[in-house]
Amino acid sequence: MPSENPPRLLGALLILLGLAFAGGGFHLNTNLGGGGSYFIVVGLLVALSGYLAYAGKSLALVAYGVTLLIVWAWSFKETGGQMDQLLPRAGLPTLIGLYLFSSKIRERLS
C-alpha cells in the first residue's frame, strides 16, 4: 500500500541530483576520455532512490544504502582513508542519507 504522504520534494531533489551526477559522468566518459563510471553508477542509484522516495516506497532506503556503500568504498580507495580528503567526498551523501533514514522520512515510506 503506497504511503499517504510520501516525501515528494526530497524524492524530486534526489532525482535531479542523481541525473546531474549521471550526466556529468557521461560527459566525463564521452568527452574527456573516461573517469565518469563512478558518477554514472552513483547518479543512477541516487535518482532511483529519489524515484522510490517520491513514490513512497521504503525500497528507497535500500537503494540509498547501496549508494552509500559505493560512495564510502570509492572514497576510501581514492583517499587511502585520509580524513581531510575523505569527508569532502563522502560527507554530503552521508548527511543526505542520515536525513533519508531519519524517522521523519522513514515513517512516510511504506
PDB file of N, CA and C in Angstrom:
ATOM      1  N   MET A   1       0.842  -1.180   0.000  1.00  0.00           N
ATOM      2  CA  MET A   1       0.000   0.000   0.000  1.00  0.00           C
ATOM      3  C   MET A   1       0.887   1.244   0.000  1.00  0.00           C
ATOM      4  N   PRO A   2       0.688   2.154  -0.964  1.00  0.00           N
ATOM      5  CA  PRO A   2       1.520   3.351  -1.017  1.00  0.00           C
ATOM      6  C   PRO A   2       1.277   4.261   0.179  1.00  0.00           C
ATOM      7  N   SER A   3       2.321   4.994   0.511  1.00  0.00           N
ATOM      8  CA  SER A   3       2.227   5.942   1.609  1.00  0.00           C
ATOM      9  C   SER A   3       1.263   7.062   1.252  1.00  0.00           C
ATOM     10  N   GLU A   4       0.537   7.566   2.262  1.00  0.00           N
ATOM     11  CA  GLU A   4      -0.411   8.655   2.025  1.00  0.00           C
ATOM     12  C   GLU A   4       0.277  10.007   1.914  1.00  0.00           C
ATOM     13  N   ASN A   5       1.481  10.122   2.465  1.00  0.00           N
ATOM     14  CA  ASN A   5       2.190  11.389   2.452  1.00  0.00           C
ATOM     15  C   ASN A   5       3.673  11.147   2.150  1.00  0.00           C
ATOM     16  N   PRO A   6       3.988  10.679   0.923  1.00  0.00           N
ATOM     17  CA  PRO A   6       5.391  10.380   0.615  1.00  0.00           C
ATOM     18  C   PRO A   6       6.224  11.667   0.558  1.00  0.00           C
ATOM     19  N   PRO A   7       7.518  11.547   0.781  1.00  0.00           N
ATOM     20  CA  PRO A   7       8.397  12.721   0.739  1.00  0.00           C
ATOM     21  C   PRO A   7       8.712  13.128  -0.704  1.00  0.00           C
ATOM     22  N   ARG A   8       7.734  13.721  -1.347  1.00  0.00           N
ATOM     23  CA  ARG A   8       7.864  14.040  -2.774  1.00  0.00           C
ATOM     24  C   ARG A   8       8.946  15.076  -3.078  1.00  0.00           C
ATOM     25  N   LEU A   9       9.066  16.097  -2.249  1.00  0.00           N
ATOM     26  CA  LEU A   9      10.093  17.108  -2.508  1.00  0.00           C
ATOM     27  C   LEU A   9      11.487  16.494  -2.407  1.00  0.00           C
ATOM     28  N   LEU A  10      11.729  15.724  -1.364  1.00  0.00           N
ATOM     29  CA  LEU A  10      13.014  15.056  -1.224  1.00  0.00           C
ATOM     30  C   LEU A  10      13.258  14.128  -2.412  1.00  0.00           C
ATOM     31  N   GLY A  11      12.239  13.374  -2.799  1.00  0.00           N
ATOM     32  CA  GLY A  11      12.373  12.475  -3.944  1.00  0.00           C
ATOM     33  C   GLY A  11      12.730  13.221  -5.216  1.00  0.00           C
ATOM     34  N   ALA A  12      12.049  14.331  -5.463  1.00  0.00           N
ATOM     35  CA  ALA A  12      12.319  15.120  -6.671  1.00  0.00           C
ATOM     36  C   ALA A  12      13.738  15.682  -6.646  1.00  0.00           C
ATOM     37  N   LEU A  13      14.175  16.160  -5.492  1.00  0.00           N
ATOM     38  CA  LEU A  13      15.535  16.696  -5.383  1.00  0.00           C
ATOM     39  C   LEU A  13      16.586  15.615  -5.592  1.00  0.00           C
ATOM     40  N   LEU A  14      16.331  14.427  -5.068  1.00  0.00           N
ATOM     41  CA  LEU A  14      17.266  13.317  -5.280  1.00  0.00           C
ATOM     42  C   LEU A  14      17.304  12.901  -6.746  1.00  0.00           C
ATOM     43  N   ILE A  15      16.157  12.916  -7.408  1.00  0.00           N
ATOM     44  CA  ILE A  15      16.132  12.595  -8.844  1.00  0.00           C
ATOM     45  C   ILE A  15      16.991  13.599  -9.610  1.00  0.00           C
ATOM     46  N   LEU A  16      16.811  14.880  -9.341  1.00  0.00           N
ATOM     47  CA  LEU A  16      17.590  15.913 -10.034  1.00  0.00           C
ATOM     48  C   LEU A  16      19.085  15.782  -9.738  1.00  0.00           C
ATOM     49  N   LEU A  17      19.430  15.566  -8.472  1.00  0.00           N
ATOM     50  CA  LEU A  17      20.836  15.402  -8.102  1.00  0.00           C
ATOM     51  C   LEU A  17      21.443  14.187  -8.792  1.00  0.00           C
ATOM     52  N   GLY A  18      20.703  13.086  -8.782  1.00  0.00           N
ATOM     53  CA  GLY A  18      21.194  11.864  -9.409  1.00  0.00           C
ATOM     54  C   GLY A  18      21.393  12.014 -10.906  1.00  0.00           C
ATOM     55  N   LEU A  19      20.444  12.667 -11.561  1.00  0.00           N
ATOM     56  CA  LEU A  19      20.580  12.869 -13.007  1.00  0.00           C
ATOM     57  C   LEU A  19      21.746  13.798 -13.332  1.00  0.00           C
ATOM     58  N   ALA A  20      21.977  14.798 -12.480  1.00  0.00           N
ATOM     59  CA  ALA A  20      23.126  15.685 -12.681  1.00  0.00           C
ATOM     60  C   ALA A  20      24.441  14.907 -12.541  1.00  0.00           C
ATOM     61  N   PHE A  21      24.532  14.054 -11.535  1.00  0.00           N
ATOM     62  CA  PHE A  21      25.726  13.227 -11.351  1.00  0.00           C
ATOM     63  C   PHE A  21      25.931  12.301 -12.540  1.00  0.00           C
ATOM     64  N   ALA A  22      24.868  11.611 -12.941  1.00  0.00           N
ATOM     65  CA  ALA A  22      24.982  10.670 -14.054  1.00  0.00           C
ATOM     66  C   ALA A  22      25.336  11.396 -15.349  1.00  0.00           C
ATOM     67  N   GLY A  23      24.730  12.551 -15.563  1.00  0.00           N
ATOM     68  CA  GLY A  23      25.052  13.337 -16.755  1.00  0.00           C
ATOM     69  C   GLY A  23      26.496  13.794 -16.762  1.00  0.00           C
ATOM     70  N   GLY A  24      26.990  14.212 -15.607  1.00  0.00           N
ATOM     71  CA  GLY A  24      28.397  14.599 -15.507  1.00  0.00           C
ATOM     72  C   GLY A  24      29.323  13.427 -15.768  1.00  0.00           C
ATOM     73  N   GLY A  25      28.964  12.265 -15.257  1.00  0.00           N
ATOM     74  CA  GLY A  25      29.760  11.064 -15.504  1.00  0.00           C
ATOM     75  C   GLY A  25      29.760  10.678 -16.966  1.00  0.00           C
ATOM     76  N   PHE A  26      28.605  10.802 -17.601  1.00  0.00           N
ATOM     77  CA  PHE A  26      28.513  10.513 -19.036  1.00  0.00           C
ATOM     78  C   PHE A  26      29.399  11.478 -19.816  1.00  0.00           C
ATOM     79  N   HIS A  27      29.374  12.752 -19.435  1.00  0.00           N
ATOM     80  CA  HIS A  27      30.214  13.764 -20.093  1.00  0.00           C
ATOM     81  C   HIS A  27      31.694  13.413 -19.920  1.00  0.00           C
ATOM     82  N   LEU A  28      32.085  13.024 -18.711  1.00  0.00           N
ATOM     83  CA  LEU A  28      33.479  12.641 -18.485  1.00  0.00           C
ATOM     84  C   LEU A  28      33.884  11.472 -19.377  1.00  0.00           C
ATOM     85  N   ASN A  29      33.020  10.477 -19.474  1.00  0.00           N
ATOM     86  CA  ASN A  29      33.350   9.289 -20.269  1.00  0.00           C
ATOM     87  C   ASN A  29      33.395   9.576 -21.758  1.00  0.00           C
ATOM     88  N   THR A  30      32.482  10.393 -22.258  1.00  0.00           N
ATOM     89  CA  THR A  30      32.403  10.594 -23.703  1.00  0.00           C
ATOM     90  C   THR A  30      33.293  11.721 -24.214  1.00  0.00           C
ATOM     91  N   ASN A  31      33.462  12.776 -23.437  1.00  0.00           N
ATOM     92  CA  ASN A  31      34.193  13.945 -23.935  1.00  0.00           C
ATOM     93  C   ASN A  31      35.582  14.115 -23.345  1.00  0.00           C
ATOM     94  N   LEU A  32      35.839  13.514 -22.222  1.00  0.00           N
ATOM     95  CA  LEU A  32      37.113  13.748 -21.549  1.00  0.00           C
ATOM     96  C   LEU A  32      37.917  12.473 -21.340  1.00  0.00           C
ATOM     97  N   GLY A  33      37.550  11.420 -22.031  1.00  0.00           N
ATOM     98  CA  GLY A  33      38.367  10.212 -22.029  1.00  0.00           C
ATOM     99  C   GLY A  33      38.170   9.249 -20.876  1.00  0.00           C
ATOM    100  N   GLY A  34      37.118   9.385 -20.103  1.00  0.00           N
ATOM    101  CA  GLY A  34      36.855   8.405 -19.057  1.00  0.00           C
ATOM    102  C   GLY A  34      36.866   9.011 -17.669  1.00  0.00           C
ATOM    103  N   GLY A  35      36.726   8.143 -16.689  1.00  0.00           N
ATOM    104  CA  GLY A  35      36.731   8.565 -15.306  1.00  0.00           C
ATOM    105  C   GLY A  35      35.365   8.878 -14.733  1.00  0.00           C
ATOM    106  N   GLY A  36      34.317   8.652 -15.513  1.00  0.00           N
ATOM    107  CA  GLY A  36      32.988   9.016 -15.056  1.00  0.00           C
ATOM    108  C   GLY A  36      32.101   7.860 -14.645  1.00  0.00           C
ATOM    109  N   SER A  37      32.612   6.639 -14.686  1.00  0.00           N
ATOM    110  CA  SER A  37      31.770   5.476 -14.386  1.00  0.00           C
ATOM    111  C   SER A  37      31.197   5.539 -12.972  1.00  0.00           C
ATOM    112  N   TYR A  38      32.009   5.955 -12.019  1.00  0.00           N
ATOM    113  CA  TYR A  38      31.532   6.089 -10.639  1.00  0.00           C
ATOM    114  C   TYR A  38      30.348   7.050 -10.579  1.00  0.00           C
ATOM    115  N   PHE A  39      30.469   8.178 -11.251  1.00  0.00           N
ATOM    116  CA  PHE A  39      29.419   9.193 -11.206  1.00  0.00           C
ATOM    117  C   PHE A  39      28.142   8.715 -11.887  1.00  0.00           C
ATOM    118  N   ILE A  40      28.283   7.923 -12.941  1.00  0.00           N
ATOM    119  CA  ILE A  40      27.106   7.368 -13.610  1.00  0.00           C
ATOM    120  C   ILE A  40      26.383   6.401 -12.678  1.00  0.00           C
ATOM    121  N   VAL A  41      27.124   5.476 -12.077  1.00  0.00           N
ATOM    122  CA  VAL A  41      26.519   4.473 -11.195  1.00  0.00           C
ATOM    123  C   VAL A  41      25.871   5.142  -9.985  1.00  0.00           C
ATOM    124  N   VAL A  42      26.630   6.003  -9.307  1.00  0.00           N
ATOM    125  CA  VAL A  42      26.093   6.668  -8.118  1.00  0.00           C
ATOM    126  C   VAL A  42      24.927   7.580  -8.494  1.00  0.00           C
ATOM    127  N   GLY A  43      25.038   8.287  -9.595  1.00  0.00           N
ATOM    128  CA  GLY A  43      23.954   9.159 -10.034  1.00  0.00           C
ATOM    129  C   GLY A  43      22.671   8.397 -10.310  1.00  0.00           C
ATOM    130  N   LEU A  44      22.787   7.276 -10.996  1.00  0.00           N
ATOM    131  CA  LEU A  44      21.589   6.480 -11.288  1.00  0.00           C
ATOM    132  C   LEU A  44      20.983   5.906 -10.010  1.00  0.00           C
ATOM    133  N   LEU A  45      21.822   5.505  -9.073  1.00  0.00           N
ATOM    134  CA  LEU A  45      21.299   4.989  -7.802  1.00  0.00           C
ATOM    135  C   LEU A  45      20.628   6.089  -6.978  1.00  0.00           C
ATOM    136  N   VAL A  46      21.186   7.279  -6.982  1.00  0.00           N
ATOM    137  CA  VAL A  46      20.559   8.392  -6.268  1.00  0.00           C
ATOM    138  C   VAL A  46      19.225   8.734  -6.927  1.00  0.00           C
ATOM    139  N   ALA A  47      19.201   8.764  -8.260  1.00  0.00           N
ATOM    140  CA  ALA A  47      17.941   9.043  -8.969  1.00  0.00           C
ATOM    141  C   ALA A  47      16.906   7.957  -8.678  1.00  0.00           C
ATOM    142  N   LEU A  48      17.330   6.699  -8.645  1.00  0.00           N
ATOM    143  CA  LEU A  48      16.421   5.602  -8.307  1.00  0.00           C
ATOM    144  C   LEU A  48      15.895   5.773  -6.885  1.00  0.00           C
ATOM    145  N   SER A  49      16.771   6.121  -5.959  1.00  0.00           N
ATOM    146  CA  SER A  49      16.343   6.371  -4.575  1.00  0.00           C
ATOM    147  C   SER A  49      15.306   7.485  -4.538  1.00  0.00           C
ATOM    148  N   GLY A  50      15.554   8.529  -5.311  1.00  0.00           N
ATOM    149  CA  GLY A  50      14.613   9.641  -5.372  1.00  0.00           C
ATOM    150  C   GLY A  50      13.267   9.235  -5.932  1.00  0.00           C
ATOM    151  N   TYR A  51      13.292   8.452  -6.995  1.00  0.00           N
ATOM    152  CA  TYR A  51      12.042   7.981  -7.586  1.00  0.00           C
ATOM    153  C   TYR A  51      11.247   7.145  -6.582  1.00  0.00           C
ATOM    154  N   LEU A  52      11.947   6.249  -5.897  1.00  0.00           N
ATOM    155  CA  LEU A  52      11.272   5.385  -4.926  1.00  0.00           C
ATOM    156  C   LEU A  52      10.751   6.192  -3.734  1.00  0.00           C
ATOM    157  N   ALA A  53      11.509   7.187  -3.289  1.00  0.00           N
ATOM    158  CA  ALA A  53      11.031   8.048  -2.196  1.00  0.00           C
ATOM    159  C   ALA A  53       9.823   8.848  -2.656  1.00  0.00           C
ATOM    160  N   TYR A  54       9.884   9.378  -3.869  1.00  0.00           N
ATOM    161  CA  TYR A  54       8.763  10.139  -4.428  1.00  0.00           C
ATOM    162  C   TYR A  54       7.494   9.288  -4.463  1.00  0.00           C
ATOM    163  N   ALA A  55       7.677   8.007  -4.773  1.00  0.00           N
ATOM    164  CA  ALA A  55       6.545   7.079  -4.844  1.00  0.00           C
ATOM    165  C   ALA A  55       6.134   6.546  -3.469  1.00  0.00           C
ATOM    166  N   GLY A  56       6.903   6.896  -2.440  1.00  0.00           N
ATOM    167  CA  GLY A  56       6.559   6.458  -1.093  1.00  0.00           C
ATOM    168  C   GLY A  56       6.986   5.037  -0.769  1.00  0.00           C
ATOM    169  N   LYS A  57       7.952   4.520  -1.493  1.00  0.00           N
ATOM    170  CA  LYS A  57       8.405   3.128  -1.308  1.00  0.00           C
ATOM    171  C   LYS A  57       9.613   3.064  -0.375  1.00  0.00           C
ATOM    172  N   SER A  58       9.556   2.170   0.593  1.00  0.00           N
ATOM    173  CA  SER A  58      10.663   2.027   1.535  1.00  0.00           C
ATOM    174  C   SER A  58      11.905   1.436   0.871  1.00  0.00           C
ATOM    175  N   LEU A  59      11.756   0.887  -0.311  1.00  0.00           N
ATOM    176  CA  LEU A  59      12.901   0.385  -1.064  1.00  0.00           C
ATOM    177  C   LEU A  59      13.890   1.514  -1.367  1.00  0.00           C
ATOM    178  N   ALA A  60      13.451   2.763  -1.257  1.00  0.00           N
ATOM    179  CA  ALA A  60      14.352   3.907  -1.422  1.00  0.00           C
ATOM    180  C   ALA A  60      15.492   3.835  -0.420  1.00  0.00           C
ATOM    181  N   LEU A  61      15.206   3.331   0.768  1.00  0.00           N
ATOM    182  CA  LEU A  61      16.234   3.223   1.806  1.00  0.00           C
ATOM    183  C   LEU A  61      17.299   2.202   1.418  1.00  0.00           C
ATOM    184  N   VAL A  62      16.883   1.111   0.825  1.00  0.00           N
ATOM    185  CA  VAL A  62      17.825   0.087   0.381  1.00  0.00           C
ATOM    186  C   VAL A  62      18.695   0.634  -0.746  1.00  0.00           C
ATOM    187  N   ALA A  63      18.062   1.273  -1.725  1.00  0.00           N
ATOM    188  CA  ALA A  63      18.804   1.833  -2.859  1.00  0.00           C
ATOM    189  C   ALA A  63      19.819   2.864  -2.388  1.00  0.00           C
ATOM    190  N   TYR A  64      19.414   3.720  -1.450  1.00  0.00           N
ATOM    191  CA  TYR A  64      20.354   4.740  -0.973  1.00  0.00           C
ATOM    192  C   TYR A  64      21.424   4.117  -0.085  1.00  0.00           C
ATOM    193  N   GLY A  65      21.087   3.078   0.641  1.00  0.00           N
ATOM    194  CA  GLY A  65      22.091   2.365   1.432  1.00  0.00           C
ATOM    195  C   GLY A  65      23.178   1.778   0.551  1.00  0.00           C
ATOM    196  N   VAL A  66      22.786   1.185  -0.574  1.00  0.00           N
ATOM    197  CA  VAL A  66      23.760   0.665  -1.537  1.00  0.00           C
ATOM    198  C   VAL A  66      24.606   1.817  -2.081  1.00  0.00           C
ATOM    199  N   THR A  67      23.960   2.932  -2.355  1.00  0.00           N
ATOM    200  CA  THR A  67      24.677   4.114  -2.839  1.00  0.00           C
ATOM    201  C   THR A  67      25.750   4.532  -1.838  1.00  0.00           C
ATOM    202  N   LEU A  68      25.391   4.584  -0.559  1.00  0.00           N
ATOM    203  CA  LEU A  68      26.363   4.985   0.460  1.00  0.00           C
ATOM    204  C   LEU A  68      27.525   4.007   0.558  1.00  0.00           C
ATOM    205  N   LEU A  69      27.247   2.726   0.423  1.00  0.00           N
ATOM    206  CA  LEU A  69      28.331   1.737   0.438  1.00  0.00           C
ATOM    207  C   LEU A  69      29.319   2.002  -0.701  1.00  0.00           C
ATOM    208  N   ILE A  70      28.793   2.288  -1.873  1.00  0.00           N
ATOM    209  CA  ILE A  70      29.651   2.578  -3.027  1.00  0.00           C
ATOM    210  C   ILE A  70      30.420   3.881  -2.807  1.00  0.00           C
ATOM    211  N   VAL A  71      29.737   4.908  -2.317  1.00  0.00           N
ATOM    212  CA  VAL A  71      30.392   6.201  -2.073  1.00  0.00           C
ATOM    213  C   VAL A  71      31.551   6.044  -1.092  1.00  0.00           C
ATOM    214  N   TRP A  72      31.296   5.353   0.020  1.00  0.00           N
ATOM    215  CA  TRP A  72      32.350   5.197   1.025  1.00  0.00           C
ATOM    216  C   TRP A  72      33.482   4.321   0.518  1.00  0.00           C
ATOM    217  N   ALA A  73      33.175   3.259  -0.212  1.00  0.00           N
ATOM    218  CA  ALA A  73      34.227   2.392  -0.763  1.00  0.00           C
ATOM    219  C   ALA A  73      35.098   3.170  -1.749  1.00  0.00           C
ATOM    220  N   TRP A  74      34.454   3.910  -2.638  1.00  0.00           N
ATOM    221  CA  TRP A  74      35.204   4.715  -3.609  1.00  0.00           C
ATOM    222  C   TRP A  74      36.029   5.784  -2.896  1.00  0.00           C
ATOM    223  N   SER A  75      35.443   6.426  -1.902  1.00  0.00           N
ATOM    224  CA  SER A  75      36.139   7.483  -1.175  1.00  0.00           C
ATOM    225  C   SER A  75      37.378   6.945  -0.464  1.00  0.00           C
ATOM    226  N   PHE A  76      37.262   5.786   0.178  1.00  0.00           N
ATOM    227  CA  PHE A  76      38.422   5.185   0.831  1.00  0.00           C
ATOM    228  C   PHE A  76      39.493   4.807  -0.191  1.00  0.00           C
ATOM    229  N   LYS A  77      39.059   4.267  -1.321  1.00  0.00           N
ATOM    230  CA  LYS A  77      40.013   3.888  -2.364  1.00  0.00           C
ATOM    231  C   LYS A  77      40.752   5.112  -2.892  1.00  0.00           C
ATOM    232  N   GLU A  78      40.029   6.184  -3.119  1.00  0.00           N
ATOM    233  CA  GLU A  78      40.625   7.405  -3.667  1.00  0.00           C
ATOM    234  C   GLU A  78      41.546   8.112  -2.688  1.00  0.00           C
ATOM    235  N   THR A  79      41.222   8.073  -1.405  1.00  0.00           N
ATOM    236  CA  THR A  79      41.945   8.885  -0.426  1.00  0.00           C
ATOM    237  C   THR A  79      42.886   8.087   0.473  1.00  0.00           C
ATOM    238  N   GLY A  80      42.763   6.785   0.447  1.00  0.00           N
ATOM    239  CA  GLY A  80      43.555   5.979   1.363  1.00  0.00           C
ATOM    240  C   GLY A  80      43.104   6.142   2.805  1.00  0.00           C
ATOM    241  N   GLY A  81      41.897   6.652   2.997  1.00  0.00           N
ATOM    242  CA  GLY A  81      41.357   6.820   4.337  1.00  0.00           C
ATOM    243  C   GLY A  81      41.777   8.107   5.032  1.00  0.00           C
ATOM    244  N   GLN A  82      42.417   9.025   4.309  1.00  0.00           N
ATOM    245  CA  GLN A  82      42.820  10.299   4.909  1.00  0.00           C
ATOM    246  C   GLN A  82      41.577  11.161   5.140  1.00  0.00           C
ATOM    247  N   MET A  83      41.297  11.438   6.396  1.00  0.00           N
ATOM    248  CA  MET A  83      40.056  12.099   6.779  1.00  0.00           C
ATOM    249  C   MET A  83      39.874  13.462   6.109  1.00  0.00           C
ATOM    250  N   ASP A  84      40.941  14.226   5.943  1.00  0.00           N
ATOM    251  CA  ASP A  84      40.807  15.550   5.342  1.00  0.00           C
ATOM    252  C   ASP A  84      40.378  15.473   3.876  1.00  0.00           C
ATOM    253  N   GLN A  85      40.638  14.360   3.224  1.00  0.00           N
ATOM    254  CA  GLN A  85      40.199  14.171   1.844  1.00  0.00           C
ATOM    255  C   GLN A  85      38.935  13.318   1.753  1.00  0.00           C
ATOM    256  N   LEU A  86      38.707  12.493   2.758  1.00  0.00           N
ATOM    257  CA  LEU A  86      37.564  11.581   2.768  1.00  0.00           C
ATOM    258  C   LEU A  86      36.244  12.325   2.976  1.00  0.00           C
ATOM    259  N   LEU A  87      36.215  13.230   3.927  1.00  0.00           N
ATOM    260  CA  LEU A  87      34.965  13.920   4.253  1.00  0.00           C
ATOM    261  C   LEU A  87      34.386  14.746   3.105  1.00  0.00           C
ATOM    262  N   PRO A  88      35.201  15.466   2.319  1.00  0.00           N
ATOM    263  CA  PRO A  88      34.598  16.195   1.197  1.00  0.00           C
ATOM    264  C   PRO A  88      33.937  15.282   0.162  1.00  0.00           C
ATOM    265  N   ARG A  89      34.432  14.065   0.043  1.00  0.00           N
ATOM    266  CA  ARG A  89      33.866  13.130  -0.930  1.00  0.00           C
ATOM    267  C   ARG A  89      32.604  12.437  -0.410  1.00  0.00           C
ATOM    268  N   ALA A  90      32.605  12.072   0.865  1.00  0.00           N
ATOM    269  CA  ALA A  90      31.520  11.257   1.410  1.00  0.00           C
ATOM    270  C   ALA A  90      30.609  12.005   2.378  1.00  0.00           C
ATOM    271  N   GLY A  91      30.974  13.212   2.767  1.00  0.00           N
ATOM    272  CA  GLY A  91      30.218  13.938   3.786  1.00  0.00           C
ATOM    273  C   GLY A  91      28.788  14.266   3.384  1.00  0.00           C
ATOM    274  N   LEU A  92      28.614  14.928   2.243  1.00  0.00           N
ATOM    275  CA  LEU A  92      27.265  15.319   1.829  1.00  0.00           C
ATOM    276  C   LEU A  92      26.366  14.111   1.548  1.00  0.00           C
ATOM    277  N   PRO A  93      26.847  13.095   0.812  1.00  0.00           N
ATOM    278  CA  PRO A  93      25.987  11.920   0.625  1.00  0.00           C
ATOM    279  C   PRO A  93      25.581  11.269   1.948  1.00  0.00           C
ATOM    280  N   THR A  94      26.481  11.294   2.920  1.00  0.00           N
ATOM    281  CA  THR A  94      26.166  10.715   4.227  1.00  0.00           C
ATOM    282  C   THR A  94      25.117  11.547   4.956  1.00  0.00           C
ATOM    283  N   LEU A  95      25.238  12.864   4.900  1.00  0.00           N
ATOM    284  CA  LEU A  95      24.228  13.731   5.525  1.00  0.00           C
ATOM    285  C   LEU A  95      22.856  13.535   4.886  1.00  0.00           C
ATOM    286  N   ILE A  96      22.835  13.416   3.569  1.00  0.00           N
ATOM    287  CA  ILE A  96      21.562  13.143   2.875  1.00  0.00           C
ATOM    288  C   ILE A  96      20.999  11.814   3.357  1.00  0.00           C
ATOM    289  N   GLY A  97      21.872  10.815   3.489  1.00  0.00           N
ATOM    290  CA  GLY A  97      21.441   9.510   3.976  1.00  0.00           C
ATOM    291  C   GLY A  97      20.889   9.568   5.384  1.00  0.00           C
ATOM    292  N   LEU A  98      21.535  10.335   6.257  1.00  0.00           N
ATOM    293  CA  LEU A  98      21.028  10.469   7.628  1.00  0.00           C
ATOM    294  C   LEU A  98      19.625  11.058   7.631  1.00  0.00           C
ATOM    295  N   TYR A  99      19.389  12.031   6.762  1.00  0.00           N
ATOM    296  CA  TYR A  99      18.055  12.624   6.679  1.00  0.00           C
ATOM    297  C   TYR A  99      17.064  11.616   6.101  1.00  0.00           C
ATOM    298  N   LEU A 100      17.467  10.924   5.041  1.00  0.00           N
ATOM    299  CA  LEU A 100      16.582   9.936   4.420  1.00  0.00           C
ATOM    300  C   LEU A 100      16.234   8.812   5.390  1.00  0.00           C
ATOM    301  N   PHE A 101      17.204   8.379   6.207  1.00  0.00           N
ATOM    302  CA  PHE A 101      16.974   7.292   7.160  1.00  0.00           C
ATOM    303  C   PHE A 101      16.333   7.769   8.466  1.00  0.00           C
ATOM    304  N   SER A 102      16.170   9.067   8.619  1.00  0.00           N
ATOM    305  CA  SER A 102      15.564   9.583   9.851  1.00  0.00           C
ATOM    306  C   SER A 102      14.105   9.152   9.947  1.00  0.00           C
ATOM    307  N   SER A 103      13.595   9.126  11.155  1.00  0.00           N
ATOM    308  CA  SER A 103      12.205   8.708  11.353  1.00  0.00           C
ATOM    309  C   SER A 103      11.237   9.661  10.647  1.00  0.00           C
ATOM    310  N   LYS A 104      11.616  10.915  10.499  1.00  0.00           N
ATOM    311  CA  LYS A 104      10.765  11.898   9.817  1.00  0.00           C
ATOM    312  C   LYS A 104      10.448  11.460   8.386  1.00  0.00           C
ATOM    313  N   ILE A 105      11.415  10.888   7.718  1.00  0.00           N
ATOM    314  CA  ILE A 105      11.215  10.427   6.335  1.00  0.00           C
ATOM    315  C   ILE A 105      10.807   8.962   6.317  1.00  0.00           C
ATOM    316  N   ARG A 106      11.506   8.140   7.084  1.00  0.00           N
ATOM    317  CA  ARG A 106      11.238   6.691   7.090  1.00  0.00           C
ATOM    318  C   ARG A 106       9.780   6.364   7.357  1.00  0.00           C
ATOM    319  N   GLU A 107       9.145   7.115   8.257  1.00  0.00           N
ATOM    320  CA  GLU A 107       7.746   6.865   8.591  1.00  0.00           C
ATOM    321  C   GLU A 107       6.799   7.184   7.433  1.00  0.00           C
ATOM    322  N   ARG A 108       7.268   7.951   6.481  1.00  0.00           N
ATOM    323  CA  ARG A 108       6.427   8.338   5.346  1.00  0.00           C
ATOM    324  C   ARG A 108       6.598   7.388   4.150  1.00  0.00           C
ATOM    325  N   LEU A 109       7.362   6.339   4.346  1.00  0.00           N
ATOM    326  CA  LEU A 109       7.577   5.341   3.295  1.00  0.00           C
ATOM    327  C   LEU A 109       6.904   4.035   3.693  1.00  0.00           C
ATOM    328  N   SER A 110       6.433   3.314   2.690  1.00  0.00           N
ATOM    329  CA  SER A 110       5.780   2.029   3.002  1.00  0.00           C
ATOM    330  C   SER A 110       6.403   0.907   2.185  1.00  0.00           C
TER     331      SER A 110
END
